C-alpha atoms as a PDB file:
ATOM      1  CA  MET A   1       8.048 -91.578  26.802  1.00  0.00           C
ATOM      2  CA  THR A   2      11.247 -90.473  28.414  1.00  0.00           C
ATOM      3  CA  LEU A   3      13.561 -87.880  26.969  1.00  0.00           C
ATOM      4  CA  LEU A   4      16.263 -90.523  26.028  1.00  0.00           C
ATOM      5  CA  GLN A   5      13.575 -92.659  24.390  1.00  0.00           C
ATOM      6  CA  ALA A   6      12.282 -89.656  22.442  1.00  0.00           C
ATOM      7  CA  TRP A   7      15.894 -88.764  21.338  1.00  0.00           C
ATOM      8  CA  ALA A   8      16.446 -92.361  20.126  1.00  0.00           C
ATOM      9  CA  ASP A   9      13.070 -92.376  18.341  1.00  0.00           C
ATOM     10  CA  SER A  10      13.845 -89.063  16.494  1.00  0.00           C
ATOM     11  CA  LEU A  11      17.358 -90.239  15.469  1.00  0.00           C
ATOM     12  CA  SER A  12      15.790 -93.379  13.950  1.00  0.00           C
ATOM     13  CA  LEU A  13      14.697 -91.149  11.127  1.00  0.00           C
ATOM     14  CA  LEU A  14      18.384 -91.082  10.028  1.00  0.00           C
ATOM     15  CA  LYS A  15      18.310 -94.870   9.390  1.00  0.00           C
ATOM     16  CA  PRO A  16      18.719 -95.448   5.592  1.00  0.00           C
ATOM     17  CA  LYS A  17      15.306 -97.017   5.142  1.00  0.00           C
ATOM     18  CA  ASN A  18      13.353 -94.322   7.120  1.00  0.00           C
ATOM     19  CA  LEU A  19      15.496 -91.484   5.702  1.00  0.00           C
ATOM     20  CA  LYS A  20      14.886 -92.625   2.089  1.00  0.00           C
ATOM     21  CA  LEU A  21      11.144 -92.607   2.555  1.00  0.00           C
ATOM     22  CA  PHE A  22      11.226 -89.256   4.416  1.00  0.00           C
ATOM     23  CA  LEU A  23      13.312 -87.613   1.728  1.00  0.00           C
ATOM     24  CA  LEU A  24      11.014 -88.927  -1.007  1.00  0.00           C
ATOM     25  CA  VAL A  25       7.954 -87.422   0.775  1.00  0.00           C
ATOM     26  CA  THR A  26       9.880 -84.291   1.399  1.00  0.00           C
ATOM     27  CA  VAL A  27      10.964 -83.846  -2.254  1.00  0.00           C
ATOM     28  CA  LYS A  28       7.312 -84.232  -3.255  1.00  0.00           C
ATOM     29  CA  SER A  29       6.237 -81.574  -0.774  1.00  0.00           C
ATOM     30  CA  ILE A  30       9.010 -79.213  -1.935  1.00  0.00           C
ATOM     31  CA  ILE A  31       7.786 -79.516  -5.578  1.00  0.00           C
ATOM     32  CA  ASP A  32       4.081 -78.957  -4.491  1.00  0.00           C
ATOM     33  CA  ALA A  33       5.123 -76.021  -2.299  1.00  0.00           C
ATOM     34  CA  TYR A  34       6.863 -74.288  -5.247  1.00  0.00           C
ATOM     35  CA  LYS A  35       3.935 -74.896  -7.431  1.00  0.00           C
ATOM     36  CA  VAL A  36       1.534 -73.271  -4.998  1.00  0.00           C
ATOM     37  CA  LEU A  37       3.920 -70.429  -4.067  1.00  0.00           C
ATOM     38  CA  LEU A  38       4.762 -69.539  -7.576  1.00  0.00           C
ATOM     39  CA  LYS A  39       1.119 -69.591  -8.509  1.00  0.00           C
ATOM     40  CA  TYR A  40      -0.173 -67.354  -5.720  1.00  0.00           C
ATOM     41  CA  TRP A  41       2.897 -65.594  -4.187  1.00  0.00           C
ATOM     42  CA  TRP A  42       5.220 -65.041  -7.198  1.00  0.00           C
ATOM     43  CA  CYS A  43       4.963 -61.373  -6.650  1.00  0.00           C
ATOM     44  CA  LEU A  44       6.572 -61.858  -3.194  1.00  0.00           C
ATOM     45  CA  PHE A  45       9.565 -63.507  -4.731  1.00  0.00           C
ATOM     46  CA  ALA A  46       9.732 -60.782  -7.407  1.00  0.00           C
ATOM     47  CA  ILE A  47       9.642 -58.042  -4.808  1.00  0.00           C
ATOM     48  CA  ILE A  48      12.425 -59.620  -2.768  1.00  0.00           C
ATOM     49  CA  VAL A  49      14.577 -60.145  -5.907  1.00  0.00           C
ATOM     50  CA  LEU A  50      13.990 -56.453  -6.932  1.00  0.00           C
ATOM     51  CA  LEU A  51      14.986 -55.245  -3.472  1.00  0.00           C
ATOM     52  CA  TYR A  52      18.184 -57.179  -3.481  1.00  0.00           C
ATOM     53  CA  GLY A  53      18.649 -56.108  -7.130  1.00  0.00           C
ATOM     54  CA  ALA A  54      18.637 -52.430  -5.871  1.00  0.00           C
ATOM     55  CA  ILE A  55      21.384 -53.483  -3.440  1.00  0.00           C
ATOM     56  CA  PHE A  56      23.381 -55.152  -6.149  1.00  0.00           C
ATOM     57  CA  LEU A  57      23.037 -52.060  -8.354  1.00  0.00           C
ATOM     58  CA  GLN A  58      24.105 -49.897  -5.335  1.00  0.00           C
ATOM     59  CA  VAL A  59      21.693 -47.165  -6.154  1.00  0.00           C
ATOM     60  CA  ASP A  60      22.683 -45.342  -3.006  1.00  0.00           C
ATOM     61  CA  ILE A  61      23.541 -46.297   0.581  1.00  0.00           C
ATOM     62  CA  VAL A  62      20.117 -45.169   1.994  1.00  0.00           C
ATOM     63  CA  THR A  63      18.243 -47.134  -0.615  1.00  0.00           C
ATOM     64  CA  CYS A  64      20.407 -50.167  -0.065  1.00  0.00           C
ATOM     65  CA  LEU A  65      19.884 -50.093   3.639  1.00  0.00           C
ATOM     66  CA  TRP A  66      16.118 -49.576   3.278  1.00  0.00           C
ATOM     67  CA  ALA A  67      15.961 -52.384   0.747  1.00  0.00           C
ATOM     68  CA  ASP A  68      17.935 -54.822   2.916  1.00  0.00           C
ATOM     69  CA  LYS A  69      15.715 -54.239   5.966  1.00  0.00           C
ATOM     70  CA  MET A  70      12.527 -54.557   3.918  1.00  0.00           C
ATOM     71  CA  ALA A  71      13.706 -57.781   2.258  1.00  0.00           C
ATOM     72  CA  THR A  72      15.060 -59.283   5.425  1.00  0.00           C
ATOM     73  CA  TYR A  73      12.470 -58.393   8.096  1.00  0.00           C
ATOM     74  CA  PHE A  74       9.222 -57.801   6.244  1.00  0.00           C
ATOM     75  CA  PHE A  75       8.767 -59.578   2.860  1.00  0.00           C
ATOM     76  CA  TYR A  76      10.889 -62.587   3.987  1.00  0.00           C
ATOM     77  CA  ASP A  77       8.717 -63.036   7.114  1.00  0.00           C
ATOM     78  CA  ILE A  78       5.597 -62.984   4.929  1.00  0.00           C
ATOM     79  CA  LEU A  79       7.155 -65.507   2.587  1.00  0.00           C
ATOM     80  CA  VAL A  80       8.059 -67.800   5.457  1.00  0.00           C
ATOM     81  CA  PHE A  81       4.498 -67.645   6.869  1.00  0.00           C
ATOM     82  CA  ALA A  82       2.974 -68.162   3.391  1.00  0.00           C
ATOM     83  CA  THR A  83       5.121 -71.191   2.846  1.00  0.00           C
ATOM     84  CA  LEU A  84       4.081 -72.675   6.202  1.00  0.00           C
ATOM     85  CA  VAL A  85       0.510 -72.202   5.256  1.00  0.00           C
ATOM     86  CA  ALA A  86       1.127 -73.694   1.835  1.00  0.00           C
ATOM     87  CA  VAL A  87       2.916 -76.803   3.124  1.00  0.00           C
ATOM     88  CA  ARG A  88       0.952 -77.728   6.278  1.00  0.00           C
ATOM     89  CA  PRO A  89      -1.260 -80.774   5.821  1.00  0.00           C
ATOM     90  CA  SER A  90      -4.814 -79.790   4.892  1.00  0.00           C
ATOM     91  CA  LEU A  91      -7.649 -81.304   2.943  1.00  0.00           C
ATOM     92  CA  GLU A  92      -8.602 -77.819   1.814  1.00  0.00           C
ATOM     93  CA  GLN A  93      -7.838 -76.607  -1.667  1.00  0.00           C
ATOM     94  CA  LYS A  94      -4.900 -74.253  -1.403  1.00  0.00           C
ATOM     95  CA  ASN A  95      -6.272 -71.248  -3.242  1.00  0.00           C
ATOM     96  CA  TRP A  96      -6.684 -67.562  -2.421  1.00  0.00           C
ATOM     97  CA  ALA A  97      -9.665 -68.303  -0.164  1.00  0.00           C
ATOM     98  CA  TYR A  98      -7.494 -70.694   1.770  1.00  0.00           C
ATOM     99  CA  PHE A  99      -4.627 -68.207   2.206  1.00  0.00           C
ATOM    100  CA  ARG A 100      -6.964 -65.349   3.139  1.00  0.00           C
ATOM    101  CA  ARG A 101      -8.297 -67.466   5.986  1.00  0.00           C
ATOM    102  CA  TYR A 102      -4.833 -67.775   7.493  1.00  0.00           C
ATOM    103  CA  ILE A 103      -2.873 -64.848   6.390  1.00  0.00           C
ATOM    104  CA  ILE A 104      -4.480 -62.643   8.954  1.00  0.00           C
ATOM    105  CA  TYR A 105      -2.284 -64.473  11.590  1.00  0.00           C
ATOM    106  CA  VAL A 106       0.958 -63.195   9.951  1.00  0.00           C
ATOM    107  CA  VAL A 107       1.450 -59.990  11.971  1.00  0.00           C
ATOM    108  CA  PRO A 108       0.367 -61.543  15.406  1.00  0.00           C
ATOM    109  CA  VAL A 109       2.586 -64.519  14.772  1.00  0.00           C
ATOM    110  CA  ILE A 110       5.605 -62.305  14.001  1.00  0.00           C
ATOM    111  CA  LEU A 111       4.924 -59.941  16.850  1.00  0.00           C
ATOM    112  CA  ILE A 112       3.968 -62.438  19.584  1.00  0.00           C
ATOM    113  CA  TYR A 113       6.701 -64.914  18.888  1.00  0.00           C
ATOM    114  CA  PHE A 114       9.384 -62.262  18.468  1.00  0.00           C
ATOM    115  CA  VAL A 115       9.840 -61.568  22.202  1.00  0.00           C
ATOM    116  CA  PRO A 116      10.147 -65.095  23.472  1.00  0.00           C
ATOM    117  CA  LEU A 117      12.513 -65.985  20.606  1.00  0.00           C
ATOM    118  CA  VAL A 118      14.787 -63.000  21.466  1.00  0.00           C
ATOM    119  CA  LEU A 119      14.669 -64.082  25.171  1.00  0.00           C
ATOM    120  CA  LEU A 120      15.548 -67.590  24.188  1.00  0.00           C
ATOM    121  CA  THR A 121      18.543 -66.346  22.113  1.00  0.00           C
ATOM    122  CA  LEU A 122      19.743 -64.290  25.007  1.00  0.00           C
ATOM    123  CA  ILE A 123      19.620 -67.283  27.239  1.00  0.00           C
ATOM    124  CA  LEU A 124      21.463 -69.539  24.868  1.00  0.00           C
ATOM    125  CA  LEU A 125      24.228 -67.096  23.751  1.00  0.00           C
ATOM    126  CA  PRO A 126      25.856 -66.494  27.185  1.00  0.00           C
ATOM    127  CA  LEU A 127      26.171 -70.326  27.506  1.00  0.00           C
ATOM    128  CA  GLY A 128      28.354 -70.338  24.346  1.00  0.00           C
ATOM    129  CA  LEU A 129      25.948 -72.662  22.556  1.00  0.00           C
ATOM    130  CA  LEU A 130      26.424 -71.116  19.201  1.00  0.00           C
ATOM    131  CA  ILE A 131      25.235 -74.021  17.154  1.00  0.00           C
ATOM    132  CA  PRO A 132      21.992 -74.470  19.214  1.00  0.00           C
ATOM    133  CA  VAL A 133      21.133 -70.720  18.730  1.00  0.00           C
ATOM    134  CA  THR A 134      20.968 -71.150  14.949  1.00  0.00           C
ATOM    135  CA  VAL A 135      19.571 -74.674  15.237  1.00  0.00           C
ATOM    136  CA  VAL A 136      16.851 -73.895  17.798  1.00  0.00           C
ATOM    137  CA  MET A 137      15.387 -70.604  16.499  1.00  0.00           C
ATOM    138  CA  SER A 138      14.046 -71.774  13.103  1.00  0.00           C
ATOM    139  CA  PRO A 139      12.496 -74.992  14.468  1.00  0.00           C
ATOM    140  CA  VAL A 140      10.826 -73.204  17.376  1.00  0.00           C
ATOM    141  CA  TYR A 141       9.312 -70.532  15.066  1.00  0.00           C
ATOM    142  CA  ILE A 142       8.288 -73.111  12.451  1.00  0.00           C
ATOM    143  CA  PHE A 143       6.779 -75.623  14.984  1.00  0.00           C
ATOM    144  CA  SER A 144       4.988 -72.823  16.911  1.00  0.00           C
ATOM    145  CA  THR A 145       3.308 -71.543  13.761  1.00  0.00           C
ATOM    146  CA  LEU A 146       2.314 -75.060  12.687  1.00  0.00           C
ATOM    147  CA  PHE A 147       0.898 -75.835  16.122  1.00  0.00           C
ATOM    148  CA  LEU A 148      -1.006 -72.547  15.981  1.00  0.00           C
ATOM    149  CA  LEU A 149      -2.394 -73.239  12.455  1.00  0.00           C
ATOM    150  CA  ASP A 150      -3.679 -76.610  13.714  1.00  0.00           C
ATOM    151  CA  SER A 151      -5.470 -74.923  16.678  1.00  0.00           C
ATOM    152  CA  PRO A 152      -8.561 -72.712  16.944  1.00  0.00           C
ATOM    153  CA  GLY A 153      -6.243 -69.681  16.696  1.00  0.00           C
ATOM    154  CA  LYS A 154      -7.354 -67.978  19.931  1.00  0.00           C
ATOM    155  CA  LEU A 155      -4.941 -65.777  21.916  1.00  0.00           C
ATOM    156  CA  LYS A 156      -4.241 -68.588  24.458  1.00  0.00           C
ATOM    157  CA  ASP A 157      -3.355 -70.851  21.602  1.00  0.00           C
ATOM    158  CA  PHE A 158      -0.310 -68.663  20.851  1.00  0.00           C
ATOM    159  CA  LEU A 159       1.350 -69.501  24.132  1.00  0.00           C
ATOM    160  CA  ARG A 160       0.315 -73.142  24.071  1.00  0.00           C
ATOM    161  CA  SER A 161       1.744 -73.494  20.555  1.00  0.00           C
ATOM    162  CA  PHE A 162       4.996 -71.929  21.612  1.00  0.00           C
ATOM    163  CA  LEU A 163       5.331 -74.268  24.611  1.00  0.00           C
ATOM    164  CA  ARG A 164       4.511 -77.259  22.510  1.00  0.00           C
ATOM    165  CA  ALA A 165       7.131 -76.137  19.910  1.00  0.00           C
ATOM    166  CA  LEU A 166       9.735 -75.787  22.712  1.00  0.00           C
ATOM    167  CA  LYS A 167       8.838 -79.321  23.937  1.00  0.00           C
ATOM    168  CA  MET A 168       9.184 -80.679  20.365  1.00  0.00           C
ATOM    169  CA  VAL A 169      12.565 -79.111  20.029  1.00  0.00           C
ATOM    170  CA  ILE A 170      13.695 -80.540  23.332  1.00  0.00           C
ATOM    171  CA  TYR A 171      12.386 -84.092  22.582  1.00  0.00           C
ATOM    172  CA  ASN A 172      14.018 -84.030  19.121  1.00  0.00           C
ATOM    173  CA  PHE A 173      17.109 -82.056  19.804  1.00  0.00           C
ATOM    174  CA  PRO A 174      19.832 -84.426  18.584  1.00  0.00           C
ATOM    175  CA  LEU A 175      18.007 -84.858  15.253  1.00  0.00           C
ATOM    176  CA  LEU A 176      17.600 -80.997  15.004  1.00  0.00           C
ATOM    177  CA  ILE A 177      21.337 -80.595  15.632  1.00  0.00           C
ATOM    178  CA  VAL A 178      22.119 -82.896  12.703  1.00  0.00           C
ATOM    179  CA  VAL A 179      19.609 -81.181  10.364  1.00  0.00           C
ATOM    180  CA  GLY A 180      20.637 -77.645  11.566  1.00  0.00           C
ATOM    181  CA  VAL A 181      24.341 -78.347  10.875  1.00  0.00           C
ATOM    182  CA  ILE A 182      23.411 -79.686   7.348  1.00  0.00           C
ATOM    183  CA  PHE A 183      21.502 -76.502   6.600  1.00  0.00           C
ATOM    184  CA  GLU A 184      24.244 -74.245   7.945  1.00  0.00           C
ATOM    185  CA  LEU A 185      26.966 -76.042   6.075  1.00  0.00           C
ATOM    186  CA  PRO A 186      26.618 -74.142   2.765  1.00  0.00           C
ATOM    187  CA  LYS A 187      26.771 -70.829   4.713  1.00  0.00           C
ATOM    188  CA  TYR A 188      29.879 -72.023   6.509  1.00  0.00           C
ATOM    189  CA  ILE A 189      31.582 -73.152   3.401  1.00  0.00           C
ATOM    190  CA  PHE A 190      30.789 -69.911   1.639  1.00  0.00           C
ATOM    191  CA  ASN A 191      32.072 -67.706   4.526  1.00  0.00           C
ATOM    192  CA  TYR A 192      35.296 -69.671   5.351  1.00  0.00           C
ATOM    193  CA  HIS A 193      36.208 -71.741   2.282  1.00  0.00           C
ATOM    194  CA  VAL A 194      35.201 -69.835  -0.808  1.00  0.00           C
ATOM    195  CA  ASN A 195      37.795 -67.450  -2.191  1.00  0.00           C
ATOM    196  CA  ILE A 196      36.083 -64.248  -3.277  1.00  0.00           C
ATOM    197  CA  SER A 197      39.324 -62.307  -3.909  1.00  0.00           C
ATOM    198  CA  PRO A 198      38.929 -62.584  -7.744  1.00  0.00           C
ATOM    199  CA  LEU A 199      35.441 -61.104  -7.469  1.00  0.00           C
ATOM    200  CA  LEU A 200      36.678 -58.203  -5.338  1.00  0.00           C
ATOM    201  CA  ILE A 201      39.706 -57.598  -7.669  1.00  0.00           C
ATOM    202  CA  ALA A 202      37.110 -57.552 -10.610  1.00  0.00           C
ATOM    203  CA  GLY A 203      35.220 -54.798  -8.808  1.00  0.00           C
ATOM    204  CA  VAL A 204      32.390 -56.707  -7.237  1.00  0.00           C
ATOM    205  CA  THR A 205      31.683 -55.402  -3.699  1.00  0.00           C
ATOM    206  CA  ILE A 206      31.019 -57.436  -0.554  1.00  0.00           C
ATOM    207  CA  MET A 207      27.505 -55.884  -0.464  1.00  0.00           C
ATOM    208  CA  GLN A 208      26.803 -57.142  -4.008  1.00  0.00           C
ATOM    209  CA  ILE A 209      28.155 -60.727  -3.235  1.00  0.00           C
ATOM    210  CA  SER A 210      25.927 -60.706  -0.065  1.00  0.00           C
ATOM    211  CA  ALA A 211      22.920 -59.568  -2.084  1.00  0.00           C
ATOM    212  CA  ILE A 212      23.261 -62.545  -4.559  1.00  0.00           C
ATOM    213  CA  PHE A 213      23.850 -64.981  -1.627  1.00  0.00           C
ATOM    214  CA  ASN A 214      20.700 -63.663   0.120  1.00  0.00           C
ATOM    215  CA  ILE A 215      18.591 -63.990  -3.066  1.00  0.00           C
ATOM    216  CA  LEU A 216      19.673 -67.599  -3.427  1.00  0.00           C
ATOM    217  CA  SER A 217      19.056 -68.226   0.277  1.00  0.00           C
ATOM    218  CA  ILE A 218      15.528 -66.837   0.176  1.00  0.00           C
ATOM    219  CA  LEU A 219      14.576 -68.635  -3.027  1.00  0.00           C
ATOM    220  CA  LEU A 220      15.672 -71.852  -1.371  1.00  0.00           C
ATOM    221  CA  THR A 221      13.896 -71.116   1.951  1.00  0.00           C
ATOM    222  CA  PRO A 222      10.832 -73.410   1.129  1.00  0.00           C
ATOM    223  CA  ILE A 223      13.135 -76.357   1.002  1.00  0.00           C
ATOM    224  CA  ALA A 224      14.126 -76.028   4.627  1.00  0.00           C
ATOM    225  CA  ILE A 225      10.571 -75.154   5.639  1.00  0.00           C
ATOM    226  CA  CYS A 226       9.260 -78.384   3.868  1.00  0.00           C
ATOM    227  CA  PHE A 227      11.851 -80.406   5.664  1.00  0.00           C
ATOM    228  CA  TYR A 228      10.971 -79.064   9.064  1.00  0.00           C
ATOM    229  CA  THR A 229       7.296 -79.381   8.321  1.00  0.00           C
ATOM    230  CA  ASN A 230       7.566 -82.987   7.391  1.00  0.00           C
ATOM    231  CA  MET A 231       9.599 -83.597  10.559  1.00  0.00           C
ATOM    232  CA  TYR A 232       6.825 -81.856  12.581  1.00  0.00           C
ATOM    233  CA  ILE A 233       4.122 -84.095  10.988  1.00  0.00           C
ATOM    234  CA  LYS A 234       6.091 -87.282  11.534  1.00  0.00           C
ATOM    235  CA  GLN A 235       7.141 -86.540  15.146  1.00  0.00           C
ATOM    236  CA  LEU A 236       3.661 -85.233  16.017  1.00  0.00           C
ATOM    237  CA  HIS A 237       2.125 -88.554  15.023  1.00  0.00           C
ATOM    238  CA  GLY A 238       4.886 -90.569  16.676  1.00  0.00           C
ATOM    239  CA  GLN A 239       4.947 -88.555  19.880  1.00  0.00           C
ATOM    240  CA  PHE A 240       1.366 -87.247  20.081  1.00  0.00           C
ATOM    241  CA  ASP A 241       0.925 -87.902  23.817  1.00  0.00           C
ATOM    242  CA  LEU A 242       3.876 -85.583  24.602  1.00  0.00           C
ATOM    243  CA  TYR A 243       2.045 -82.490  23.169  1.00  0.00           C
ATOM    244  CA  PHE A 244      -1.628 -83.132  23.808  1.00  0.00           C
ATOM    245  CA  LYS A 245      -3.388 -84.642  26.825  1.00  0.00           C
ATOM    246  CA  GLN A 246      -5.298 -87.788  26.149  1.00  0.00           C
ATOM    247  CA  PRO A 247      -8.746 -88.248  27.666  1.00  0.00           C
ATOM    248  CA  SER A 248      -8.604 -90.548  30.591  1.00  0.00           C
END
């Protein structure tokens, strides 16, 4: 399959008939994901809300900075990984035993994929590709983790999974641009088209507004992850030969 053929194949998902079926499957997976996450990971949501609650209450600047870093870079990463483990296709019952089997990968995944993602960002930024930076990073991380979870999980599988994720992003780039722009649209509208002056006049600070926005963004994170996961499943089946060598 050539690159242009793969692009055309990926964009076929946007055809009304295909998109309708895909969205129906995705909605079901979103509902199932929230059921599992709220049953086994409700405490994670609660901690993140409490941390941003401290920022909203503006206890003190040190506490606010600490809470923001913990919510953004620690608990959020755990939530993303837990969501990926919850929504990936598996015949296993998704209970505590299931999560314990995979949660040991959360720290290696975050640490090992951090460096190549930073390098990829540095490569894209000087080129002025602002949209691809935001559009590429999330799919690369999500696809890498999903490829890894579908592998034996050895050290060499981390690199292989990352390279396969890069290939999946390249071969589905036009579709990812469309999806990425859609997911970035609410943030763009909020930043550039929502008048927050009345809130500021009423005494609400930028930090408090940001805290509320971040809480909503994190609570809605499983929606985006389910969308990308279903895209991964569909494209993996449709383009399997691109990512795995077939026996001759």
